[in-house]
């Protein structure tokens, strides 16, 4: 699936696609939100939820690796040795 095709999907369809085709990469918290990062083909999708709630608030989609900067402190190279 391409970046633009994914963006054009309804949020419910995006979530379904991530569940079946996305590769979970990392989780993090920001203020009162839980975020989960997925790799999908040549782009990334970040799912936002409120803490204590499973409903998706929104899905942020991006292509540039600079969007990964908030996740870099969570990665330990020792985990991959």
Protein backbone atom coordinates (compact mmCIF):
# COMPACT_ATOMS: atom_id res chain seq x y z
CA UNK A 1 0.00 0.00 0.00
CA UNK A 2 1.27 3.46 -0.80
CA UNK A 3 1.51 6.37 1.60
CA UNK A 4 -1.20 8.39 -0.17
CA UNK A 5 -3.56 5.40 -0.49
CA UNK A 6 -3.23 4.71 3.23
CA UNK A 7 -3.85 8.36 4.11
CA UNK A 8 -7.04 8.33 2.04
CA UNK A 9 -8.49 5.44 4.05
CA UNK A 10 -10.98 6.04 6.85
CA UNK A 11 -9.30 5.78 10.26
CA UNK A 12 -11.09 2.49 10.99
CA UNK A 13 -9.68 0.99 7.77
CA UNK A 14 -6.22 2.34 8.60
CA UNK A 15 -6.37 0.60 11.99
CA UNK A 16 -7.47 -2.66 10.35
CA UNK A 17 -4.64 -2.44 7.85
CA UNK A 18 -2.09 -1.78 10.60
CA UNK A 19 -3.37 -4.75 12.60
CA UNK A 20 -2.92 -7.12 9.67
CA UNK A 21 0.00 -5.62 7.72
CA UNK A 22 1.83 -3.16 9.98
CA UNK A 23 5.01 -4.08 11.81
CA UNK A 24 4.93 -2.83 15.41
CA UNK A 25 8.20 -1.04 16.18
CA UNK A 26 7.89 0.80 19.49
CA UNK A 27 5.59 2.21 22.14
CA UNK A 28 5.92 5.40 24.14
CA UNK A 29 3.94 7.78 26.33
CA UNK A 30 3.49 11.50 25.85
CA UNK A 31 1.54 13.48 28.43
CA UNK A 32 -1.77 11.63 28.81
CA UNK A 33 -1.40 9.65 25.57
CA UNK A 34 -0.11 6.21 24.59
CA UNK A 35 1.53 5.99 21.20
CA UNK A 36 2.43 2.95 19.14
CA UNK A 37 4.65 3.14 16.08
CA UNK A 38 4.24 0.85 13.06
CA UNK A 39 6.26 0.40 9.88
CA UNK A 40 4.13 -0.06 6.78
CA UNK A 41 6.02 -0.49 3.52
CA UNK A 42 8.02 2.70 3.03
CA UNK A 43 6.20 4.82 5.63
CA UNK A 44 5.34 4.89 9.32
CA UNK A 45 2.08 5.17 11.23
CA UNK A 46 1.77 6.38 14.82
CA UNK A 47 -1.44 5.39 16.63
CA UNK A 48 -2.54 7.79 19.40
CA UNK A 49 -4.75 6.71 22.30
CA UNK A 50 -5.63 8.31 25.63
CA UNK A 51 -4.17 6.56 28.65
CA UNK A 52 -6.75 4.09 29.95
CA UNK A 53 -8.76 4.07 26.72
CA UNK A 54 -8.46 1.66 23.81
CA UNK A 55 -10.25 3.93 21.32
CA UNK A 56 -7.94 5.42 18.71
CA UNK A 57 -7.86 9.22 18.77
CA UNK A 58 -5.99 9.54 15.50
CA UNK A 59 -3.31 7.96 13.33
CA UNK A 60 -0.37 10.14 12.33
CA UNK A 61 1.27 8.97 9.10
CA UNK A 62 4.72 10.08 7.94
CA UNK A 63 7.47 9.12 5.54
CA UNK A 64 10.51 11.01 6.80
CA UNK A 65 12.87 9.27 9.22
CA UNK A 66 13.04 12.51 11.23
CA UNK A 67 9.62 11.55 12.61
CA UNK A 68 11.33 8.68 14.44
CA UNK A 69 13.45 10.95 16.66
CA UNK A 70 11.15 10.67 19.69
CA UNK A 71 11.55 6.87 19.58
CA UNK A 72 15.34 6.73 19.36
CA UNK A 73 15.95 7.01 23.14
CA UNK A 74 13.76 3.91 23.59
CA UNK A 75 15.97 1.70 21.43
CA UNK A 76 18.87 -0.20 22.94
CA UNK A 77 21.46 -1.71 20.62
CA UNK A 78 22.14 -4.32 23.33
CA UNK A 79 18.67 -5.74 22.63
CA UNK A 80 19.82 -6.71 19.13
CA UNK A 81 23.20 -8.28 19.92
